[in-house]
């Protein structure tokens, strides 16, 4: 497999790095101390993203998600973390995989 970097998926990288940075959880009231709270915050972030960015930009993120989900192999979690340096998200702590995160993001941005 080719070496992936953020430039391979520029729109998805912009979403992850700009909206799910290390302090993203601080923007919500109260601690995100359970999976349901984190998922609710995740949905709120993506709703905000849809309100800020054009339909075309959201579609570009969805295309990047589709390309990422189509990658060969079974190591999507590691590829996601290493490609996007997803330091603001600890997906195992959310109780979801990178594939599930991407699929949910895709649904909310479509």
PDB file of N, CA and C in Angstrom:
ATOM      1  N   UNK A   1       0.842  -1.172   0.000  1.00  0.00           N
ATOM      2  CA  UNK A   1       0.000   0.000   0.000  1.00  0.00           C
ATOM      3  C   UNK A   1       0.896   1.247   0.000  1.00  0.00           C
ATOM      4  N   UNK A   2       0.438   2.279  -0.681  1.00  0.00           N
ATOM      5  CA  UNK A   2       1.183   3.526  -0.722  1.00  0.00           C
ATOM      6  C   UNK A   2       1.188   4.187   0.644  1.00  0.00           C
ATOM      7  N   UNK A   3       2.184   5.003   0.899  1.00  0.00           N
ATOM      8  CA  UNK A   3       2.233   5.775   2.133  1.00  0.00           C
ATOM      9  C   UNK A   3       1.175   6.860   2.060  1.00  0.00           C
ATOM     10  N   UNK A   4       0.292   6.874   3.042  1.00  0.00           N
ATOM     11  CA  UNK A   4      -0.770   7.865   3.072  1.00  0.00           C
ATOM     12  C   UNK A   4      -0.323   9.075   3.879  1.00  0.00           C
ATOM     13  N   UNK A   5      -0.814  10.218   3.499  1.00  0.00           N
ATOM     14  CA  UNK A   5      -0.588  11.421   4.278  1.00  0.00           C
ATOM     15  C   UNK A   5      -1.830  12.296   4.163  1.00  0.00           C
ATOM     16  N   UNK A   6      -1.912  13.354   4.949  1.00  0.00           N
ATOM     17  CA  UNK A   6      -3.110  14.197   4.915  1.00  0.00           C
ATOM     18  C   UNK A   6      -3.445  14.754   3.540  1.00  0.00           C
ATOM     19  N   UNK A   7      -2.426  14.957   2.697  1.00  0.00           N
ATOM     20  CA  UNK A   7      -2.671  15.501   1.357  1.00  0.00           C
ATOM     21  C   UNK A   7      -3.420  14.528   0.455  1.00  0.00           C
ATOM     22  N   UNK A   8      -3.420  13.253   0.814  1.00  0.00           N
ATOM     23  CA  UNK A   8      -4.141  12.257   0.039  1.00  0.00           C
ATOM     24  C   UNK A   8      -5.653  12.454   0.175  1.00  0.00           C
ATOM     25  N   UNK A   9      -6.068  12.965   1.335  1.00  0.00           N
ATOM     26  CA  UNK A   9      -7.485  13.180   1.649  1.00  0.00           C
ATOM     27  C   UNK A   9      -7.640  14.584   2.249  1.00  0.00           C
ATOM     28  N   UNK A  10      -7.420  15.629   1.461  1.00  0.00           N
ATOM     29  CA  UNK A  10      -7.331  16.982   2.024  1.00  0.00           C
ATOM     30  C   UNK A  10      -8.605  17.476   2.713  1.00  0.00           C
ATOM     31  N   UNK A  11      -9.754  17.114   2.210  1.00  0.00           N
ATOM     32  CA  UNK A  11     -11.004  17.604   2.799  1.00  0.00           C
ATOM     33  C   UNK A  11     -11.294  16.879   4.114  1.00  0.00           C
ATOM     34  N   UNK A  12     -11.058  15.591   4.141  1.00  0.00           N
ATOM     35  CA  UNK A  12     -11.233  14.825   5.374  1.00  0.00           C
ATOM     36  C   UNK A  12     -10.219  15.287   6.419  1.00  0.00           C
ATOM     37  N   UNK A  13      -8.995  15.548   5.984  1.00  0.00           N
ATOM     38  CA  UNK A  13      -7.979  16.056   6.911  1.00  0.00           C
ATOM     39  C   UNK A  13      -8.417  17.397   7.510  1.00  0.00           C
ATOM     40  N   UNK A  14      -8.975  18.271   6.692  1.00  0.00           N
ATOM     41  CA  UNK A  14      -9.449  19.559   7.200  1.00  0.00           C
ATOM     42  C   UNK A  14     -10.521  19.387   8.253  1.00  0.00           C
ATOM     43  N   UNK A  15     -11.429  18.435   8.039  1.00  0.00           N
ATOM     44  CA  UNK A  15     -12.466  18.162   9.028  1.00  0.00           C
ATOM     45  C   UNK A  15     -11.849  17.644  10.326  1.00  0.00           C
ATOM     46  N   UNK A  16     -11.006  16.632  10.223  1.00  0.00           N
ATOM     47  CA  UNK A  16     -10.439  16.005  11.422  1.00  0.00           C
ATOM     48  C   UNK A  16      -9.549  16.981  12.186  1.00  0.00           C
ATOM     49  N   UNK A  17      -8.635  17.642  11.484  1.00  0.00           N
ATOM     50  CA  UNK A  17      -7.675  18.508  12.187  1.00  0.00           C
ATOM     51  C   UNK A  17      -8.284  19.817  12.657  1.00  0.00           C
ATOM     52  N   UNK A  18      -9.244  20.332  11.908  1.00  0.00           N
ATOM     53  CA  UNK A  18      -9.818  21.619  12.258  1.00  0.00           C
ATOM     54  C   UNK A  18     -10.981  21.551  13.216  1.00  0.00           C
ATOM     55  N   UNK A  19     -11.687  20.442  13.212  1.00  0.00           N
ATOM     56  CA  UNK A  19     -12.903  20.348  14.019  1.00  0.00           C
ATOM     57  C   UNK A  19     -12.810  19.317  15.135  1.00  0.00           C
ATOM     58  N   UNK A  20     -11.878  18.400  15.037  1.00  0.00           N
ATOM     59  CA  UNK A  20     -11.685  17.386  16.077  1.00  0.00           C
ATOM     60  C   UNK A  20     -10.251  17.449  16.612  1.00  0.00           C
ATOM     61  N   UNK A  21      -9.786  18.666  16.845  1.00  0.00           N
ATOM     62  CA  UNK A  21      -8.456  18.902  17.397  1.00  0.00           C
ATOM     63  C   UNK A  21      -8.423  18.443  18.849  1.00  0.00           C
ATOM     64  N   UNK A  22      -7.282  18.560  19.502  1.00  0.00           N
ATOM     65  CA  UNK A  22      -7.133  18.002  20.844  1.00  0.00           C
ATOM     66  C   UNK A  22      -8.064  18.623  21.875  1.00  0.00           C
ATOM     67  N   UNK A  23      -8.560  19.817  21.647  1.00  0.00           N
ATOM     68  CA  UNK A  23      -9.441  20.473  22.612  1.00  0.00           C
ATOM     69  C   UNK A  23     -10.901  20.516  22.191  1.00  0.00           C
ATOM     70  N   UNK A  24     -11.277  19.742  21.194  1.00  0.00           N
ATOM     71  CA  UNK A  24     -12.641  19.852  20.672  1.00  0.00           C
ATOM     72  C   UNK A  24     -13.691  19.549  21.724  1.00  0.00           C
ATOM     73  N   UNK A  25     -13.401  18.623  22.623  1.00  0.00           N
ATOM     74  CA  UNK A  25     -14.379  18.267  23.644  1.00  0.00           C
ATOM     75  C   UNK A  25     -14.638  19.407  24.626  1.00  0.00           C
ATOM     76  N   UNK A  26     -13.660  20.302  24.786  1.00  0.00           N
ATOM     77  CA  UNK A  26     -13.807  21.419  25.713  1.00  0.00           C
ATOM     78  C   UNK A  26     -14.872  22.413  25.261  1.00  0.00           C
ATOM     79  N   UNK A  27     -15.250  22.353  24.012  1.00  0.00           N
ATOM     80  CA  UNK A  27     -16.235  23.281  23.479  1.00  0.00           C
ATOM     81  C   UNK A  27     -17.668  22.898  23.850  1.00  0.00           C
ATOM     82  N   UNK A  28     -17.834  21.771  24.551  1.00  0.00           N
ATOM     83  CA  UNK A  28     -19.160  21.316  24.950  1.00  0.00           C
ATOM     84  C   UNK A  28     -19.302  21.411  26.456  1.00  0.00           C
ATOM     85  N   UNK A  29     -20.539  21.648  26.909  1.00  0.00           N
ATOM     86  CA  UNK A  29     -20.805  21.762  28.340  1.00  0.00           C
ATOM     87  C   UNK A  29     -20.631  20.412  29.014  1.00  0.00           C
ATOM     88  N   UNK A  30     -19.895  20.422  30.094  1.00  0.00           N
ATOM     89  CA  UNK A  30     -19.717  19.211  30.875  1.00  0.00           C
ATOM     90  C   UNK A  30     -18.740  18.246  30.249  1.00  0.00           C
ATOM     91  N   UNK A  31     -18.256  17.303  31.039  1.00  0.00           N
ATOM     92  CA  UNK A  31     -17.300  16.318  30.522  1.00  0.00           C
ATOM     93  C   UNK A  31     -17.981  15.315  29.606  1.00  0.00           C
ATOM     94  N   UNK A  32     -17.262  14.927  28.605  1.00  0.00           N
ATOM     95  CA  UNK A  32     -17.753  13.890  27.699  1.00  0.00           C
ATOM     96  C   UNK A  32     -17.268  12.555  28.247  1.00  0.00           C
ATOM     97  N   UNK A  33     -17.919  12.127  29.312  1.00  0.00           N
ATOM     98  CA  UNK A  33     -17.449  10.975  30.073  1.00  0.00           C
ATOM     99  C   UNK A  33     -18.177   9.672  29.750  1.00  0.00           C
ATOM    100  N   UNK A  34     -18.923   9.667  28.669  1.00  0.00           N
ATOM    101  CA  UNK A  34     -19.582   8.431  28.261  1.00  0.00           C
ATOM    102  C   UNK A  34     -19.723   8.431  26.740  1.00  0.00           C
ATOM    103  N   UNK A  35     -19.840   7.243  26.196  1.00  0.00           N
ATOM    104  CA  UNK A  35     -19.977   7.125  24.748  1.00  0.00           C
ATOM    105  C   UNK A  35     -21.180   7.903  24.219  1.00  0.00           C
ATOM    106  N   UNK A  36     -22.365   7.822  24.858  1.00  0.00           N
ATOM    107  CA  UNK A  36     -23.490   8.607  24.323  1.00  0.00           C
ATOM    108  C   UNK A  36     -23.211  10.115  24.291  1.00  0.00           C
ATOM    109  N   UNK A  37     -22.519  10.647  25.292  1.00  0.00           N
ATOM    110  CA  UNK A  37     -22.199  12.077  25.298  1.00  0.00           C
ATOM    111  C   UNK A  37     -21.223  12.425  24.186  1.00  0.00           C
ATOM    112  N   UNK A  38     -20.250  11.569  23.965  1.00  0.00           N
ATOM    113  CA  UNK A  38     -19.270  11.808  22.905  1.00  0.00           C
ATOM    114  C   UNK A  38     -19.944  11.752  21.544  1.00  0.00           C
ATOM    115  N   UNK A  39     -20.809  10.777  21.343  1.00  0.00           N
ATOM    116  CA  UNK A  39     -21.504  10.650  20.055  1.00  0.00           C
ATOM    117  C   UNK A  39     -22.404  11.864  19.825  1.00  0.00           C
ATOM    118  N   UNK A  40     -23.078  12.344  20.867  1.00  0.00           N
ATOM    119  CA  UNK A  40     -23.915  13.538  20.728  1.00  0.00           C
ATOM    120  C   UNK A  40     -23.060  14.749  20.359  1.00  0.00           C
ATOM    121  N   UNK A  41     -21.902  14.888  20.981  1.00  0.00           N
ATOM    122  CA  UNK A  41     -21.001  15.999  20.661  1.00  0.00           C
ATOM    123  C   UNK A  41     -20.479  15.862  19.236  1.00  0.00           C
ATOM    124  N   UNK A  42     -20.132  14.648  18.832  1.00  0.00           N
ATOM    125  CA  UNK A  42     -19.683  14.367  17.477  1.00  0.00           C
ATOM    126  C   UNK A  42     -20.732  14.828  16.462  1.00  0.00           C
ATOM    127  N   UNK A  43     -21.990  14.473  16.720  1.00  0.00           N
ATOM    128  CA  UNK A  43     -23.078  14.881  15.824  1.00  0.00           C
ATOM    129  C   UNK A  43     -23.206  16.400  15.788  1.00  0.00           C
ATOM    130  N   UNK A  44     -23.071  17.040  16.941  1.00  0.00           N
ATOM    131  CA  UNK A  44     -23.186  18.501  17.001  1.00  0.00           C
ATOM    132  C   UNK A  44     -22.070  19.169  16.203  1.00  0.00           C
ATOM    133  N   UNK A  45     -20.859  18.628  16.289  1.00  0.00           N
ATOM    134  CA  UNK A  45     -19.739  19.182  15.523  1.00  0.00           C
ATOM    135  C   UNK A  45     -20.027  19.075  14.032  1.00  0.00           C
ATOM    136  N   UNK A  46     -20.507  17.930  13.586  1.00  0.00           N
ATOM    137  CA  UNK A  46     -20.773  17.759  12.159  1.00  0.00           C
ATOM    138  C   UNK A  46     -21.942  18.605  11.688  1.00  0.00           C
ATOM    139  N   UNK A  47     -22.922  18.836  12.546  1.00  0.00           N
ATOM    140  CA  UNK A  47     -24.005  19.751  12.193  1.00  0.00           C
ATOM    141  C   UNK A  47     -23.459  21.175  12.034  1.00  0.00           C
ATOM    142  N   UNK A  48     -22.582  21.577  12.951  1.00  0.00           N
ATOM    143  CA  UNK A  48     -21.949  22.896  12.830  1.00  0.00           C
ATOM    144  C   UNK A  48     -21.150  22.984  11.529  1.00  0.00           C
ATOM    145  N   UNK A  49     -20.403  21.936  11.221  1.00  0.00           N
ATOM    146  CA  UNK A  49     -19.603  21.901   9.996  1.00  0.00           C
ATOM    147  C   UNK A  49     -20.502  22.110   8.781  1.00  0.00           C
ATOM    148  N   UNK A  50     -21.627  21.402   8.738  1.00  0.00           N
ATOM    149  CA  UNK A  50     -22.565  21.539   7.610  1.00  0.00           C
ATOM    150  C   UNK A  50     -23.126  22.956   7.511  1.00  0.00           C
ATOM    151  N   UNK A  51     -23.293  23.600   8.658  1.00  0.00           N
ATOM    152  CA  UNK A  51     -23.827  24.968   8.657  1.00  0.00           C
ATOM    153  C   UNK A  51     -22.791  25.995   8.211  1.00  0.00           C
ATOM    154  N   UNK A  52     -21.519  25.700   8.416  1.00  0.00           N
ATOM    155  CA  UNK A  52     -20.440  26.633   8.080  1.00  0.00           C
ATOM    156  C   UNK A  52     -19.990  26.466   6.631  1.00  0.00           C
ATOM    157  N   UNK A  53     -19.880  25.221   6.178  1.00  0.00           N
ATOM    158  CA  UNK A  53     -19.318  24.951   4.858  1.00  0.00           C
ATOM    159  C   UNK A  53     -20.399  24.677   3.816  1.00  0.00           C
ATOM    160  N   UNK A  54     -20.033  24.893   2.589  1.00  0.00           N
ATOM    161  CA  UNK A  54     -20.956  24.713   1.469  1.00  0.00           C
ATOM    162  C   UNK A  54     -21.286  23.234   1.263  1.00  0.00           C
ATOM    163  N   UNK A  55     -22.342  23.031   0.520  1.00  0.00           N
ATOM    164  CA  UNK A  55     -22.741  21.680   0.130  1.00  0.00           C
ATOM    165  C   UNK A  55     -21.609  21.013  -0.647  1.00  0.00           C
ATOM    166  N   UNK A  56     -20.920  21.786  -1.472  1.00  0.00           N
ATOM    167  CA  UNK A  56     -19.817  21.238  -2.273  1.00  0.00           C
ATOM    168  C   UNK A  56     -18.674  20.761  -1.379  1.00  0.00           C
ATOM    169  N   UNK A  57     -18.348  21.533  -0.344  1.00  0.00           N
ATOM    170  CA  UNK A  57     -17.264  21.129   0.563  1.00  0.00           C
ATOM    171  C   UNK A  57     -17.663  19.875   1.335  1.00  0.00           C
ATOM    172  N   UNK A  58     -18.898  19.813   1.797  1.00  0.00           N
ATOM    173  CA  UNK A  58     -19.365  18.607   2.484  1.00  0.00           C
ATOM    174  C   UNK A  58     -19.290  17.403   1.551  1.00  0.00           C
ATOM    175  N   UNK A  59     -19.667  17.588   0.291  1.00  0.00           N
ATOM    176  CA  UNK A  59     -19.585  16.504  -0.688  1.00  0.00           C
ATOM    177  C   UNK A  59     -18.135  16.075  -0.908  1.00  0.00           C
ATOM    178  N   UNK A  60     -17.207  17.023  -0.869  1.00  0.00           N
ATOM    179  CA  UNK A  60     -15.789  16.693  -1.033  1.00  0.00           C
ATOM    180  C   UNK A  60     -15.289  15.861   0.152  1.00  0.00           C
ATOM    181  N   UNK A  61     -15.748  16.173   1.342  1.00  0.00           N
ATOM    182  CA  UNK A  61     -15.382  15.363   2.513  1.00  0.00           C
ATOM    183  C   UNK A  61     -15.945  13.957   2.347  1.00  0.00           C
ATOM    184  N   UNK A  62     -17.171  13.850   1.911  1.00  0.00           N
ATOM    185  CA  UNK A  62     -17.792  12.541   1.696  1.00  0.00           C
ATOM    186  C   UNK A  62     -16.998  11.737   0.660  1.00  0.00           C
ATOM    187  N   UNK A  63     -16.542  12.388  -0.401  1.00  0.00           N
ATOM    188  CA  UNK A  63     -15.717  11.684  -1.401  1.00  0.00           C
ATOM    189  C   UNK A  63     -14.416  11.186  -0.765  1.00  0.00           C
ATOM    190  N   UNK A  64     -13.778  12.024   0.059  1.00  0.00           N
ATOM    191  CA  UNK A  64     -12.559  11.590   0.753  1.00  0.00           C
ATOM    192  C   UNK A  64     -12.850  10.401   1.668  1.00  0.00           C
ATOM    193  N   UNK A  65     -13.978  10.459   2.371  1.00  0.00           N
ATOM    194  CA  UNK A  65     -14.361   9.343   3.246  1.00  0.00           C
ATOM    195  C   UNK A  65     -14.530   8.073   2.428  1.00  0.00           C
ATOM    196  N   UNK A  66     -15.216   8.169   1.299  1.00  0.00           N
ATOM    197  CA  UNK A  66     -15.414   6.997   0.446  1.00  0.00           C
ATOM    198  C   UNK A  66     -14.088   6.413  -0.019  1.00  0.00           C
ATOM    199  N   UNK A  67     -13.160   7.281  -0.406  1.00  0.00           N
ATOM    200  CA  UNK A  67     -11.833   6.817  -0.830  1.00  0.00           C
ATOM    201  C   UNK A  67     -11.095   6.141   0.322  1.00  0.00           C
ATOM    202  N   UNK A  68     -11.200   6.721   1.501  1.00  0.00           N
ATOM    203  CA  UNK A  68     -10.517   6.142   2.660  1.00  0.00           C
ATOM    204  C   UNK A  68     -11.127   4.788   3.018  1.00  0.00           C
ATOM    205  N   UNK A  69     -12.450   4.698   2.996  1.00  0.00           N
ATOM    206  CA  UNK A  69     -13.113   3.430   3.309  1.00  0.00           C
ATOM    207  C   UNK A  69     -12.803   2.350   2.285  1.00  0.00           C
ATOM    208  N   UNK A  70     -12.446   2.732   1.076  1.00  0.00           N
ATOM    209  CA  UNK A  70     -12.140   1.770   0.018  1.00  0.00           C
ATOM    210  C   UNK A  70     -10.698   1.269   0.061  1.00  0.00           C
ATOM    211  N   UNK A  71      -9.905   1.761   1.003  1.00  0.00           N
ATOM    212  CA  UNK A  71      -8.514   1.323   1.084  1.00  0.00           C
ATOM    213  C   UNK A  71      -8.442  -0.185   1.322  1.00  0.00           C
ATOM    214  N   UNK A  72      -7.478  -0.839   0.709  1.00  0.00           N
ATOM    215  CA  UNK A  72      -7.336  -2.280   0.932  1.00  0.00           C
ATOM    216  C   UNK A  72      -6.746  -2.556   2.311  1.00  0.00           C
ATOM    217  N   UNK A  73      -6.965  -3.744   2.789  1.00  0.00           N
ATOM    218  CA  UNK A  73      -6.390  -4.147   4.064  1.00  0.00           C
ATOM    219  C   UNK A  73      -7.396  -4.065   5.192  1.00  0.00           C
ATOM    220  N   UNK A  74      -6.941  -4.519   6.343  1.00  0.00           N
ATOM    221  CA  UNK A  74      -7.841  -4.572   7.494  1.00  0.00           C
ATOM    222  C   UNK A  74      -7.301  -3.761   8.674  1.00  0.00           C
ATOM    223  N   UNK A  75      -6.501  -2.753   8.369  1.00  0.00           N
ATOM    224  CA  UNK A  75      -5.867  -1.958   9.415  1.00  0.00           C
ATOM    225  C   UNK A  75      -6.355  -0.513   9.378  1.00  0.00           C
ATOM    226  N   UNK A  76      -7.630  -0.315   9.141  1.00  0.00           N
ATOM    227  CA  UNK A  76      -8.187   1.021   8.956  1.00  0.00           C
ATOM    228  C   UNK A  76      -8.008   1.904  10.193  1.00  0.00           C
ATOM    229  N   UNK A  77      -8.123   1.330  11.381  1.00  0.00           N
ATOM    230  CA  UNK A  77      -7.965   2.127  12.602  1.00  0.00           C
ATOM    231  C   UNK A  77      -6.579   2.751  12.671  1.00  0.00           C
ATOM    232  N   UNK A  78      -5.548   1.950  12.433  1.00  0.00           N
ATOM    233  CA  UNK A  78      -4.180   2.477  12.477  1.00  0.00           C
ATOM    234  C   UNK A  78      -3.928   3.465  11.344  1.00  0.00           C
ATOM    235  N   UNK A  79      -4.436   3.166  10.157  1.00  0.00           N
ATOM    236  CA  UNK A  79      -4.268   4.082   9.026  1.00  0.00           C
ATOM    237  C   UNK A  79      -4.922   5.432   9.320  1.00  0.00           C
ATOM    238  N   UNK A  80      -6.112   5.404   9.906  1.00  0.00           N
ATOM    239  CA  UNK A  80      -6.823   6.639  10.232  1.00  0.00           C
ATOM    240  C   UNK A  80      -6.021   7.463  11.232  1.00  0.00           C
ATOM    241  N   UNK A  81      -5.581   6.827  12.310  1.00  0.00           N
ATOM    242  CA  UNK A  81      -4.843   7.534  13.350  1.00  0.00           C
ATOM    243  C   UNK A  81      -3.522   8.087  12.820  1.00  0.00           C
ATOM    244  N   UNK A  82      -2.793   7.285  12.060  1.00  0.00           N
ATOM    245  CA  UNK A  82      -1.491   7.751  11.578  1.00  0.00           C
ATOM    246  C   UNK A  82      -1.625   8.783  10.461  1.00  0.00           C
ATOM    247  N   UNK A  83      -2.604   8.637   9.593  1.00  0.00           N
ATOM    248  CA  UNK A  83      -2.766   9.575   8.483  1.00  0.00           C
ATOM    249  C   UNK A  83      -3.216  10.938   8.960  1.00  0.00           C
ATOM    250  N   UNK A  84      -4.157  10.957   9.887  1.00  0.00           N
ATOM    251  CA  UNK A  84      -4.754  12.223  10.305  1.00  0.00           C
ATOM    252  C   UNK A  84      -4.256  12.707  11.656  1.00  0.00           C
ATOM    253  N   UNK A  85      -3.323  11.954  12.267  1.00  0.00           N
ATOM    254  CA  UNK A  85      -2.815  12.339  13.581  1.00  0.00           C
ATOM    255  C   UNK A  85      -3.989  12.730  14.468  1.00  0.00           C
ATOM    256  N   UNK A  86      -4.946  11.821  14.563  1.00  0.00           N
ATOM    257  CA  UNK A  86      -6.226  12.094  15.218  1.00  0.00           C
ATOM    258  C   UNK A  86      -6.078  12.147  16.736  1.00  0.00           C
ATOM    259  N   UNK A  87      -5.238  13.058  17.189  1.00  0.00           N
ATOM    260  CA  UNK A  87      -4.950  13.183  18.618  1.00  0.00           C
ATOM    261  C   UNK A  87      -6.117  13.638  19.452  1.00  0.00           C
ATOM    262  N   UNK A  88      -7.089  14.311  18.839  1.00  0.00           N
ATOM    263  CA  UNK A  88      -8.243  14.765  19.588  1.00  0.00           C
ATOM    264  C   UNK A  88      -9.316  13.712  19.735  1.00  0.00           C
ATOM    265  N   UNK A  89      -9.095  12.566  19.129  1.00  0.00           N
ATOM    266  CA  UNK A  89     -10.092  11.506  19.188  1.00  0.00           C
ATOM    267  C   UNK A  89      -9.429  10.198  19.581  1.00  0.00           C
ATOM    268  N   UNK A  90      -9.950   9.595  20.616  1.00  0.00           N
ATOM    269  CA  UNK A  90      -9.522   8.250  20.987  1.00  0.00           C
ATOM    270  C   UNK A  90     -10.700   7.333  20.721  1.00  0.00           C
ATOM    271  N   UNK A  91     -10.786   6.859  19.485  1.00  0.00           N
ATOM    272  CA  UNK A  91     -11.962   6.115  19.043  1.00  0.00           C
ATOM    273  C   UNK A  91     -12.247   4.862  19.869  1.00  0.00           C
ATOM    274  N   UNK A  92     -11.228   4.106  20.313  1.00  0.00           N
ATOM    275  CA  UNK A  92     -11.567   2.967  21.183  1.00  0.00           C
ATOM    276  C   UNK A  92     -12.292   3.415  22.455  1.00  0.00           C
ATOM    277  N   UNK A  93     -11.953   4.589  22.952  1.00  0.00           N
ATOM    278  CA  UNK A  93     -12.641   5.116  24.128  1.00  0.00           C
ATOM    279  C   UNK A  93     -14.086   5.499  23.832  1.00  0.00           C
ATOM    280  N   UNK A  94     -14.364   5.788  22.575  1.00  0.00           N
ATOM    281  CA  UNK A  94     -15.733   6.102  22.170  1.00  0.00           C
ATOM    282  C   UNK A  94     -16.539   4.820  21.984  1.00  0.00           C
ATOM    283  N   UNK A  95     -15.839   3.716  21.889  1.00  0.00           N
ATOM    284  CA  UNK A  95     -16.522   2.450  21.630  1.00  0.00           C
ATOM    285  C   UNK A  95     -16.838   2.236  20.166  1.00  0.00           C
ATOM    286  N   UNK A  96     -16.103   2.932  19.266  1.00  0.00           N
ATOM    287  CA  UNK A  96     -16.328   2.748  17.830  1.00  0.00           C
ATOM    288  C   UNK A  96     -14.988   2.607  17.119  1.00  0.00           C
ATOM    289  N   UNK A  97     -15.046   2.030  15.953  1.00  0.00           N
ATOM    290  CA  UNK A  97     -13.857   1.892  15.115  1.00  0.00           C
ATOM    291  C   UNK A  97     -13.753   3.090  14.180  1.00  0.00           C
ATOM    292  N   UNK A  98     -12.639   3.207  13.499  1.00  0.00           N
ATOM    293  CA  UNK A  98     -12.473   4.263  12.495  1.00  0.00           C
ATOM    294  C   UNK A  98     -13.506   4.098  11.385  1.00  0.00           C
ATOM    295  N   UNK A  99     -13.766   2.868  10.989  1.00  0.00           N
ATOM    296  CA  UNK A  99     -14.772   2.611   9.947  1.00  0.00           C
ATOM    297  C   UNK A  99     -16.138   3.145  10.395  1.00  0.00           C
ATOM    298  N   UNK A 100     -16.517   2.860  11.636  1.00  0.00           N
ATOM    299  CA  UNK A 100     -17.806   3.351  12.144  1.00  0.00           C
ATOM    300  C   UNK A 100     -17.822   4.876  12.212  1.00  0.00           C
ATOM    301  N   UNK A 101     -16.718   5.474  12.661  1.00  0.00           N
ATOM    302  CA  UNK A 101     -16.635   6.936  12.737  1.00  0.00           C
ATOM    303  C   UNK A 101     -16.823   7.537  11.351  1.00  0.00           C
ATOM    304  N   UNK A 102     -16.111   6.988  10.375  1.00  0.00           N
ATOM    305  CA  UNK A 102     -16.192   7.490   9.011  1.00  0.00           C
ATOM    306  C   UNK A 102     -17.588   7.304   8.427  1.00  0.00           C
ATOM    307  N   UNK A 103     -18.193   6.163   8.680  1.00  0.00           N
ATOM    308  CA  UNK A 103     -19.538   5.923   8.162  1.00  0.00           C
ATOM    309  C   UNK A 103     -20.547   6.885   8.786  1.00  0.00           C
ATOM    310  N   UNK A 104     -20.431   7.130  10.088  1.00  0.00           N
ATOM    311  CA  UNK A 104     -21.338   8.080  10.737  1.00  0.00           C
ATOM    312  C   UNK A 104     -21.108   9.494  10.219  1.00  0.00           C
ATOM    313  N   UNK A 105     -19.852   9.868  10.053  1.00  0.00           N
ATOM    314  CA  UNK A 105     -19.550  11.198   9.520  1.00  0.00           C
ATOM    315  C   UNK A 105     -20.125  11.329   8.120  1.00  0.00           C
ATOM    316  N   UNK A 106     -19.983  10.304   7.326  1.00  0.00           N
ATOM    317  CA  UNK A 106     -20.510  10.312   5.960  1.00  0.00           C
ATOM    318  C   UNK A 106     -22.022  10.527   5.951  1.00  0.00           C
ATOM    319  N   UNK A 107     -22.705   9.785   6.820  1.00  0.00           N
ATOM    320  CA  UNK A 107     -24.165   9.908   6.909  1.00  0.00           C
ATOM    321  C   UNK A 107     -24.580  11.321   7.298  1.00  0.00           C
ATOM    322  N   UNK A 108     -23.884  11.898   8.265  1.00  0.00           N
ATOM    323  CA  UNK A 108     -24.256  13.231   8.763  1.00  0.00           C
ATOM    324  C   UNK A 108     -23.903  14.349   7.790  1.00  0.00           C
ATOM    325  N   UNK A 109     -22.932  14.109   6.910  1.00  0.00           N
ATOM    326  CA  UNK A 109     -22.534  15.139   5.952  1.00  0.00           C
ATOM    327  C   UNK A 109     -23.221  14.986   4.597  1.00  0.00           C
ATOM    328  N   UNK A 110     -23.859  13.869   4.371  1.00  0.00           N
ATOM    329  CA  UNK A 110     -24.524  13.620   3.077  1.00  0.00           C
ATOM    330  C   UNK A 110     -25.858  14.347   2.997  1.00  0.00           C
TER     331      UNK A 110
END
